[in-house]
């Protein structure tokens, strides 16, 4: 199995008119193209890319405490989406699935936001810069969609994609 982060592929800037699903699908296709050309001896690839969006705004990893505060303020009391593109190249045929999970955060108090920033909870490698299984999990009022999508990979949808490709 070959693991490639999106940072190793060509960069794709989000256009303001791009829908989150289109953006991730384009990014996933760029990764597949990069893998196909750089690893010609390999015939099969599985790419799973996830991003958090508030509306059409991509919520990337904060690079500073100020940016982390802006992110947590944006998530507070709102819904956001975790969008995952699963793209599987098997015997030169591409199989794709886009999975969206809607997450509702409670309205956070100023002290909760400060705790998040001061304790560097935003340093996580998690999508949306929070850990749904960690401290921040208690701020999630509800989810709609694939629960496993919050924790890394939407397993039900991956299983269905692999079955559709005749691998299971």
Protein backbone atom coordinates (compact mmCIF):
# COMPACT_ATOMS: atom_id res chain seq x y z
CA UNK A 1 0.00 0.00 0.00
CA UNK A 2 1.33 3.41 -0.95
CA UNK A 3 0.29 6.39 1.15
CA UNK A 4 0.47 9.88 -0.32
CA UNK A 5 -0.65 13.06 1.36
CA UNK A 6 -2.35 15.75 -0.74
CA UNK A 7 0.73 17.91 -0.09
CA UNK A 8 2.75 15.57 -2.32
CA UNK A 9 0.42 16.15 -5.26
CA UNK A 10 -0.13 19.27 -7.32
CA UNK A 11 -1.71 22.06 -5.30
CA UNK A 12 -5.30 22.90 -6.08
CA UNK A 13 -6.65 26.24 -4.96
CA UNK A 14 -10.30 26.39 -4.00
CA UNK A 15 -12.24 28.68 -6.27
CA UNK A 16 -15.01 30.62 -4.50
CA UNK A 17 -17.52 29.14 -6.97
CA UNK A 18 -16.39 25.55 -6.31
CA UNK A 19 -18.72 23.41 -4.28
CA UNK A 20 -16.87 21.47 -1.56
CA UNK A 21 -17.68 18.15 -3.26
CA UNK A 22 -16.33 19.36 -6.62
CA UNK A 23 -13.19 20.74 -4.98
CA UNK A 24 -12.39 17.44 -3.23
CA UNK A 25 -13.18 15.36 -6.28
CA UNK A 26 -10.81 17.50 -8.39
CA UNK A 27 -8.12 17.23 -5.71
CA UNK A 28 -8.54 13.45 -5.52
CA UNK A 29 -8.29 13.13 -9.28
CA UNK A 30 -5.05 15.16 -9.22
CA UNK A 31 -3.62 12.79 -6.61
CA UNK A 32 -4.64 9.73 -8.69
CA UNK A 33 -3.04 11.31 -11.79
CA UNK A 34 0.16 12.08 -9.86
CA UNK A 35 0.30 8.52 -8.50
CA UNK A 36 -0.43 6.95 -11.89
CA UNK A 37 2.38 8.85 -13.60
CA UNK A 38 4.98 8.57 -10.84
CA UNK A 39 4.29 4.90 -10.00
CA UNK A 40 3.62 3.34 -13.39
CA UNK A 41 4.40 -0.14 -12.05
CA UNK A 42 1.43 0.08 -9.66
CA UNK A 43 -2.06 -0.52 -11.01
CA UNK A 44 -4.23 0.00 -7.96
CA UNK A 45 -4.58 3.03 -5.70
CA UNK A 46 -6.96 4.04 -2.95
CA UNK A 47 -7.12 7.76 -2.16
CA UNK A 48 -9.19 9.12 0.73
CA UNK A 49 -9.24 12.91 1.13
CA UNK A 50 -11.27 14.72 3.79
CA UNK A 51 -11.86 18.41 4.44
CA UNK A 52 -14.11 20.45 6.68
CA UNK A 53 -16.26 23.21 5.21
CA UNK A 54 -18.41 25.91 6.76
CA UNK A 55 -20.67 26.84 3.88
CA UNK A 56 -18.25 26.92 0.94
CA UNK A 57 -15.34 28.01 3.12
CA UNK A 58 -12.60 25.44 3.43
CA UNK A 59 -11.55 25.04 7.05
CA UNK A 60 -7.89 24.12 6.76
CA UNK A 61 -5.44 23.54 9.58
CA UNK A 62 -4.86 26.71 11.62
CA UNK A 63 -1.28 27.97 11.53
CA UNK A 64 -1.50 30.31 14.52
CA UNK A 65 -3.49 30.87 17.70
CA UNK A 66 -5.32 33.78 16.04
CA UNK A 67 -6.39 31.56 13.16
CA UNK A 68 -7.39 28.81 15.61
CA UNK A 69 -9.60 31.29 17.46
CA UNK A 70 -11.24 32.31 14.17
CA UNK A 71 -11.88 28.65 13.33
CA UNK A 72 -13.43 27.75 16.68
CA UNK A 73 -15.53 30.91 16.57
CA UNK A 74 -16.74 29.90 13.10
CA UNK A 75 -17.66 26.38 14.30
CA UNK A 76 -19.38 27.56 17.48
CA UNK A 77 -23.16 27.17 17.32
CA UNK A 78 -23.09 26.26 13.62
CA UNK A 79 -23.27 23.31 11.34
CA UNK A 80 -20.28 22.38 9.23
CA UNK A 81 -19.64 19.55 6.82
CA UNK A 82 -16.94 16.95 6.68
CA UNK A 83 -16.62 16.02 3.01
CA UNK A 84 -14.59 12.98 2.00
CA UNK A 85 -13.67 11.85 -1.49
CA UNK A 86 -12.91 8.16 -1.87
CA UNK A 87 -11.26 7.45 -5.20
CA UNK A 88 -10.14 3.97 -6.04
CA UNK A 89 -8.15 3.09 -9.16
CA UNK A 90 -8.37 -0.62 -9.87
CA UNK A 91 -7.14 -2.15 -13.12
CA UNK A 92 -7.21 1.25 -14.83
CA UNK A 93 -10.85 1.90 -13.88
CA UNK A 94 -11.65 4.76 -11.49
CA UNK A 95 -14.34 4.29 -8.84
CA UNK A 96 -15.45 7.37 -6.87
CA UNK A 97 -17.66 8.15 -3.93
CA UNK A 98 -18.21 11.49 -2.17
CA UNK A 99 -19.40 11.32 1.44
CA UNK A 100 -20.77 14.26 3.42
CA UNK A 101 -21.40 14.36 7.14
CA UNK A 102 -23.08 17.37 8.72
CA UNK A 103 -21.87 18.20 12.24
CA UNK A 104 -23.64 20.59 14.63
CA UNK A 105 -21.53 22.26 17.32
CA UNK A 106 -23.09 23.73 20.44
CA UNK A 107 -22.71 27.46 21.03
CA UNK A 108 -19.38 27.68 22.81
CA UNK A 109 -18.69 29.99 25.72
CA UNK A 110 -15.70 32.34 25.61
CA UNK A 111 -13.94 30.14 28.19
CA UNK A 112 -14.46 27.01 26.05
CA UNK A 113 -13.02 28.79 23.01
CA UNK A 114 -10.06 29.97 25.08
CA UNK A 115 -9.49 26.46 26.44
CA UNK A 116 -9.42 25.11 22.87
CA UNK A 117 -6.83 27.68 21.80
CA UNK A 118 -4.69 27.78 24.96
CA UNK A 119 -4.43 23.99 25.22
CA UNK A 120 -3.58 23.72 21.52
CA UNK A 121 -6.43 21.34 20.76
CA UNK A 122 -6.32 22.82 17.26
CA UNK A 123 -2.90 21.21 16.71
CA UNK A 124 -4.58 17.90 15.92
CA UNK A 125 -4.21 16.30 12.53
CA UNK A 126 -7.98 15.84 12.49
CA UNK A 127 -10.25 17.24 9.82
CA UNK A 128 -11.78 20.49 11.06
CA UNK A 129 -8.96 20.86 13.61
CA UNK A 130 -10.86 19.11 16.38
CA UNK A 131 -11.00 15.57 17.71
CA UNK A 132 -14.55 14.19 17.83
CA UNK A 133 -13.34 11.42 20.16
CA UNK A 134 -11.38 13.80 22.39
CA UNK A 135 -12.23 16.76 24.59
CA UNK A 136 -14.04 18.55 21.77
CA UNK A 137 -16.43 15.61 21.30
CA UNK A 138 -18.63 17.01 24.06
CA UNK A 139 -19.31 20.08 21.91
CA UNK A 140 -20.95 18.06 19.14
CA UNK A 141 -24.74 18.38 19.43
CA UNK A 142 -25.44 16.02 16.59
CA UNK A 143 -24.38 14.55 13.31
CA UNK A 144 -26.21 13.69 10.15
CA UNK A 145 -24.61 11.22 7.78
CA UNK A 146 -21.71 8.81 8.11
CA UNK A 147 -20.40 8.68 11.68
CA UNK A 148 -17.16 6.96 10.65
CA UNK A 149 -16.50 9.87 8.28
CA UNK A 150 -15.75 11.98 11.38
CA UNK A 151 -13.06 9.58 12.50
CA UNK A 152 -11.04 9.27 9.31
CA UNK A 153 -12.64 7.07 6.69
CA UNK A 154 -16.32 6.44 5.92
CA UNK A 155 -16.23 2.65 6.26
CA UNK A 156 -19.74 1.83 5.04
CA UNK A 157 -19.22 3.82 1.84
CA UNK A 158 -15.71 2.40 1.31
CA UNK A 159 -17.09 -1.12 1.72
CA UNK A 160 -19.84 -0.36 -0.83
CA UNK A 161 -17.30 1.06 -3.28
CA UNK A 162 -15.06 -2.00 -2.97
CA UNK A 163 -18.08 -4.31 -3.40
CA UNK A 164 -19.11 -2.36 -6.51
CA UNK A 165 -15.62 -2.87 -7.93
CA UNK A 166 -15.99 -6.62 -7.33
CA UNK A 167 -13.27 -6.78 -4.67
CA UNK A 168 -15.46 -7.98 -1.78
